[in-house]
Amino acid sequence: MEGKNMVITDLTDLDRIIRNAVREEIARFRGEEKGERVREPEIYTAKDLQKIFKITSVTLWRWEKDGILKPTRVNGRTKYYNAETVQQLIDGGKVGKYVRQ
């Protein structure tokens, strides 16, 4: 077994080692390792916003109906939301009462 090492560890340490390795690989993939800035998306889908704000599709529909957020439609069906508009909503505190904690 020349050139190979054997390490005995418990499951907690193994879990930590794997998580750290995955984080490092993701950072390397995104370019964070080189000090490059990770590019934020310019548009969001409805599912993205539901995850970000922890809201349902009904709440998102209500925001559209109330004029809080206006989607851009592609092919008449798919909705996309401008990232700058979403950031303005966050900064302005206009969506706080709708968001689940």
Protein backbone atom coordinates (compact mmCIF):
# COMPACT_ATOMS: atom_id res chain seq x y z
CA MET A 1 0.00 0.00 0.00
CA GLU A 2 2.74 2.37 -0.92
CA GLY A 3 1.56 5.96 -1.50
CA LYS A 4 -1.86 5.36 0.04
CA ASN A 5 -3.00 6.46 3.46
CA MET A 6 -5.77 5.00 5.54
CA VAL A 7 -7.76 7.24 7.86
CA ILE A 8 -10.21 6.02 10.45
CA THR A 9 -12.91 8.52 11.32
CA ASP A 10 -16.45 8.66 12.64
CA LEU A 11 -19.51 9.60 10.59
CA THR A 12 -19.65 13.17 11.92
CA ASP A 13 -16.11 13.91 10.75
CA LEU A 14 -16.71 12.18 7.43
CA ASP A 15 -19.86 14.28 6.91
CA ARG A 16 -17.89 17.48 7.67
CA ILE A 17 -15.07 16.49 5.30
CA ILE A 18 -17.48 15.77 2.45
CA ARG A 19 -19.45 19.00 2.99
CA ASN A 20 -16.26 21.07 2.97
CA ALA A 21 -15.05 19.36 -0.20
CA VAL A 22 -18.37 20.05 -1.92
CA ARG A 23 -18.32 23.73 -0.84
CA GLU A 24 -14.78 24.13 -2.17
CA GLU A 25 -15.72 22.52 -5.48
CA ILE A 26 -18.78 24.75 -5.87
CA ALA A 27 -16.67 27.84 -5.08
CA ARG A 28 -14.06 26.72 -7.61
CA PHE A 29 -16.77 26.15 -10.21
CA ARG A 30 -18.24 29.62 -9.63
CA GLY A 31 -14.84 31.29 -9.75
CA GLU A 32 -14.97 32.51 -6.14
CA GLU A 33 -11.65 30.86 -5.44
CA LYS A 34 -9.86 33.30 -7.77
CA GLY A 35 -11.51 36.31 -6.18
CA GLU A 36 -13.86 36.72 -9.11
CA ARG A 37 -17.28 38.05 -8.35
CA VAL A 38 -20.16 35.63 -8.76
CA ARG A 39 -22.61 36.99 -11.29
CA GLU A 40 -26.16 37.36 -10.05
CA PRO A 41 -28.92 36.41 -12.46
CA GLU A 42 -30.49 39.21 -14.48
CA ILE A 43 -33.89 37.53 -14.46
CA TYR A 44 -35.78 35.23 -12.13
CA THR A 45 -38.42 32.60 -12.79
CA ALA A 46 -41.55 32.23 -10.70
CA LYS A 47 -40.01 29.24 -8.92
CA ASP A 48 -36.89 31.29 -8.11
CA LEU A 49 -39.01 33.99 -6.45
CA GLN A 50 -41.06 31.43 -4.56
CA LYS A 51 -37.84 30.03 -3.09
CA ILE A 52 -36.28 33.42 -2.39
CA PHE A 53 -39.32 34.87 -0.64
CA LYS A 54 -40.72 31.57 0.68
CA ILE A 55 -44.09 32.28 -0.87
CA THR A 56 -46.66 30.27 -2.78
CA SER A 57 -47.64 30.70 -6.41
CA VAL A 58 -50.89 32.27 -5.20
CA THR A 59 -48.99 35.01 -3.36
CA LEU A 60 -46.88 35.68 -6.45
CA TRP A 61 -50.05 35.88 -8.54
CA ARG A 62 -51.50 38.34 -5.98
CA TRP A 63 -48.37 40.53 -6.25
CA GLU A 64 -48.86 40.64 -10.01
CA LYS A 65 -52.56 41.45 -9.65
CA ASP A 66 -51.85 44.21 -7.09
CA GLY A 67 -49.15 45.68 -9.35
CA ILE A 68 -46.32 44.98 -6.90
CA LEU A 69 -44.40 42.91 -9.44
CA LYS A 70 -44.78 42.82 -13.20
CA PRO A 71 -43.58 39.76 -15.13
CA THR A 72 -42.34 39.65 -18.69
CA ARG A 73 -43.94 36.87 -20.67
CA VAL A 74 -42.07 34.72 -23.16
CA ASN A 75 -44.08 32.72 -25.71
CA GLY A 76 -47.25 33.89 -23.98
CA ARG A 77 -46.76 31.49 -21.05
CA THR A 78 -43.40 31.56 -19.32
CA LYS A 79 -42.98 34.46 -16.91
CA TYR A 80 -39.68 36.08 -16.02
CA TYR A 81 -39.03 38.81 -13.49
CA ASN A 82 -36.37 41.51 -13.75
CA ALA A 83 -33.70 41.13 -11.04
CA GLU A 84 -33.42 44.90 -10.53
CA THR A 85 -37.14 45.18 -9.86
CA VAL A 86 -36.96 42.27 -7.41
CA GLN A 87 -34.04 43.94 -5.60
CA GLN A 88 -35.99 47.21 -5.39
CA LEU A 89 -38.87 45.34 -3.76
CA ILE A 90 -36.50 43.86 -1.20
CA ASP A 91 -34.74 47.16 -0.50
CA GLY A 92 -38.02 49.08 -0.29
CA GLY A 93 -39.55 46.63 2.18
CA LYS A 94 -42.68 46.32 0.05
CA VAL A 95 -42.90 42.54 0.29
CA GLY A 96 -42.26 42.00 3.99
CA LYS A 97 -45.89 41.53 5.00
CA TYR A 98 -46.32 38.73 2.46
CA VAL A 99 -43.22 36.70 3.27
CA ARG A 100 -43.45 33.70 5.60
CA GLN A 101 -40.90 33.63 8.38
